[in-house]
């Protein structure tokens, strides 16, 4: 009998308890809270999408810069292999590879900075490009003035 009464009480509690939507409706009668939570969720989604796009752009910039930086190493390495320079001049071949690696690293750094500013920070890129162009014009003007 006691078990039966407990089960009936439990079942009656289940039927009386409002659904989550009804409880939410009692809490948020005018709908402001729901609108705010939807706006927050939209902002989170936009932020996540923007972060993903920025990560993809950074990955693209890094990959392209690495490929461009490897070009001098590949060209010098191919010439060394074709001409078999490691047999005739091993010291010169090593020096050529070191210089190619240094040039590739410089090329990588330049391209990474250029593409990074160009793709991810366009406003800063425009300013840097303007200042660089202005300095180039001043340098050309000084050079021409000294020649005369």
Protein backbone atom coordinates (compact mmCIF):
# COMPACT_ATOMS: atom_id res chain seq x y z
CA UNK A 1 0.00 0.00 0.00
CA UNK A 2 2.79 2.39 0.92
CA UNK A 3 4.59 1.68 -2.35
CA UNK A 4 1.39 2.22 -4.30
CA UNK A 5 0.79 5.60 -2.64
CA UNK A 6 4.41 6.62 -3.30
CA UNK A 7 4.07 5.70 -6.96
CA UNK A 8 0.78 7.57 -7.28
CA UNK A 9 2.28 10.63 -5.61
CA UNK A 10 5.28 10.42 -7.93
CA UNK A 11 3.06 10.11 -11.01
CA UNK A 12 0.89 13.00 -9.92
CA UNK A 13 4.00 15.14 -9.44
CA UNK A 14 5.11 14.33 -12.96
CA UNK A 15 1.79 15.41 -14.38
CA UNK A 16 1.63 18.63 -12.38
CA UNK A 17 5.19 19.74 -13.11
CA UNK A 18 5.28 22.07 -16.08
CA UNK A 19 7.33 21.31 -19.13
CA UNK A 20 10.65 23.12 -19.59
CA UNK A 21 9.07 25.40 -22.16
CA UNK A 22 6.28 26.33 -19.73
CA UNK A 23 8.83 26.98 -16.98
CA UNK A 24 10.85 29.12 -19.38
CA UNK A 25 7.68 30.98 -20.34
CA UNK A 26 6.92 31.70 -16.69
CA UNK A 27 10.43 33.05 -16.20
CA UNK A 28 10.61 35.07 -19.40
CA UNK A 29 7.13 36.43 -20.03
CA UNK A 30 8.07 39.29 -22.36
CA UNK A 31 10.69 37.31 -24.36
CA UNK A 32 13.63 39.63 -23.67
CA UNK A 33 15.79 36.91 -22.17
CA UNK A 34 15.21 34.60 -25.13
CA UNK A 35 16.12 37.38 -27.58
CA UNK A 36 19.29 38.13 -25.65
CA UNK A 37 20.34 34.49 -25.55
CA UNK A 38 19.70 34.19 -29.30
CA UNK A 39 21.80 37.31 -29.93
CA UNK A 40 24.60 35.96 -27.74
CA UNK A 41 24.51 32.68 -29.65
CA UNK A 42 24.64 34.52 -32.97
CA UNK A 43 27.64 36.54 -31.78
CA UNK A 44 29.36 33.34 -30.65
CA UNK A 45 28.73 31.72 -34.01
CA UNK A 46 30.02 34.77 -35.91
CA UNK A 47 33.09 34.91 -33.67
CA UNK A 48 33.82 31.23 -34.18
CA UNK A 49 33.38 31.61 -37.93
CA UNK A 50 35.67 34.66 -38.02
CA UNK A 51 38.32 32.85 -35.97
CA UNK A 52 38.15 29.86 -38.29
CA UNK A 53 38.49 32.09 -41.36
CA UNK A 54 41.44 33.91 -39.80
CA UNK A 55 43.10 30.60 -38.94
CA UNK A 56 42.60 29.41 -42.53
CA UNK A 57 44.08 32.65 -43.87
CA UNK A 58 47.08 32.36 -41.55
CA UNK A 59 47.63 28.77 -42.66
CA UNK A 60 47.43 29.82 -46.31
CA UNK A 61 49.87 32.68 -45.76
CA UNK A 62 52.29 30.36 -43.96
CA UNK A 63 52.09 27.66 -46.64
CA UNK A 64 52.58 30.08 -49.53
CA UNK A 65 55.47 31.80 -47.76
CA UNK A 66 57.18 28.47 -47.05
CA UNK A 67 56.79 27.40 -50.68
CA UNK A 68 58.24 30.68 -51.93
CA UNK A 69 61.07 30.45 -49.38
CA UNK A 70 61.98 26.96 -50.59
CA UNK A 71 62.43 28.07 -54.21
CA UNK A 72 66.09 29.22 -53.84
CA UNK A 73 67.00 26.04 -51.98
CA UNK A 74 65.34 23.90 -54.64
CA UNK A 75 67.02 25.72 -57.52
CA UNK A 76 70.48 25.60 -55.96
CA UNK A 77 70.00 22.01 -54.84
CA UNK A 78 68.88 20.97 -58.32
CA UNK A 79 71.94 22.64 -59.87
CA UNK A 80 74.24 20.93 -57.38
CA UNK A 81 72.69 17.55 -58.11
CA UNK A 82 72.69 18.03 -61.91
CA UNK A 83 76.27 19.20 -62.08
CA UNK A 84 77.35 16.84 -59.25
CA UNK A 85 79.11 19.75 -57.59
CA UNK A 86 79.42 17.89 -54.30
CA UNK A 87 82.06 15.66 -55.96
CA UNK A 88 84.13 18.38 -57.58
CA UNK A 89 83.69 21.18 -55.05
CA UNK A 90 82.12 19.98 -51.77
CA UNK A 91 82.96 23.18 -49.88
CA UNK A 92 81.43 25.36 -52.59
CA UNK A 93 78.30 23.18 -52.67
CA UNK A 94 77.87 23.53 -48.89
CA UNK A 95 78.37 27.28 -49.07
CA UNK A 96 75.87 27.56 -51.92
CA UNK A 97 73.29 25.60 -49.91
CA UNK A 98 73.88 27.75 -46.82
CA UNK A 99 73.48 30.92 -48.88
CA UNK A 100 70.35 29.47 -50.50
CA UNK A 101 68.90 28.64 -47.07
CA UNK A 102 69.68 32.16 -45.82
CA UNK A 103 68.12 33.69 -48.94
CA UNK A 104 65.11 31.40 -48.61
CA UNK A 105 64.69 32.39 -44.96
CA UNK A 106 64.86 36.07 -45.87
CA UNK A 107 62.41 35.52 -48.71
CA UNK A 108 60.09 33.60 -46.39
CA UNK A 109 60.20 36.37 -43.76
CA UNK A 110 59.53 39.10 -46.31
CA UNK A 111 56.66 37.22 -47.98
CA UNK A 112 55.12 36.16 -44.68
CA UNK A 113 55.13 39.75 -43.42
CA UNK A 114 53.84 41.08 -46.73
CA UNK A 115 51.03 38.54 -47.10
CA UNK A 116 50.14 38.67 -43.40
CA UNK A 117 49.70 42.42 -43.52
CA UNK A 118 47.97 42.29 -46.91
CA UNK A 119 45.43 39.60 -46.08
CA UNK A 120 44.81 39.93 -42.34
CA UNK A 121 45.55 43.58 -41.57
CA UNK A 122 44.64 45.49 -44.68
CA UNK A 123 44.43 48.92 -43.02
CA UNK A 124 47.94 48.62 -41.58
CA UNK A 125 49.16 47.31 -44.95
CA UNK A 126 47.84 50.38 -46.73
CA UNK A 127 49.62 52.64 -44.25
CA UNK A 128 52.91 50.70 -44.47
CA UNK A 129 52.71 50.66 -48.27
CA UNK A 130 52.08 54.41 -48.33
CA UNK A 131 55.01 55.13 -45.99
CA UNK A 132 57.28 52.81 -48.01
CA UNK A 133 56.29 54.50 -51.26
CA UNK A 134 56.85 57.91 -49.70
CA UNK A 135 60.31 56.88 -48.46
CA UNK A 136 61.12 55.51 -51.92
CA UNK A 137 60.16 58.82 -53.53
CA UNK A 138 62.26 60.75 -51.01
CA UNK A 139 65.20 58.40 -51.61
CA UNK A 140 64.93 58.81 -55.37
CA UNK A 141 64.74 62.59 -54.95
CA UNK A 142 67.87 62.62 -52.74
CA UNK A 143 69.70 60.35 -55.20
CA UNK A 144 68.82 62.56 -58.19
CA UNK A 145 69.77 65.73 -56.26
CA UNK A 146 73.19 64.27 -55.32
CA UNK A 147 73.86 63.22 -58.91
CA UNK A 148 73.40 66.78 -60.13
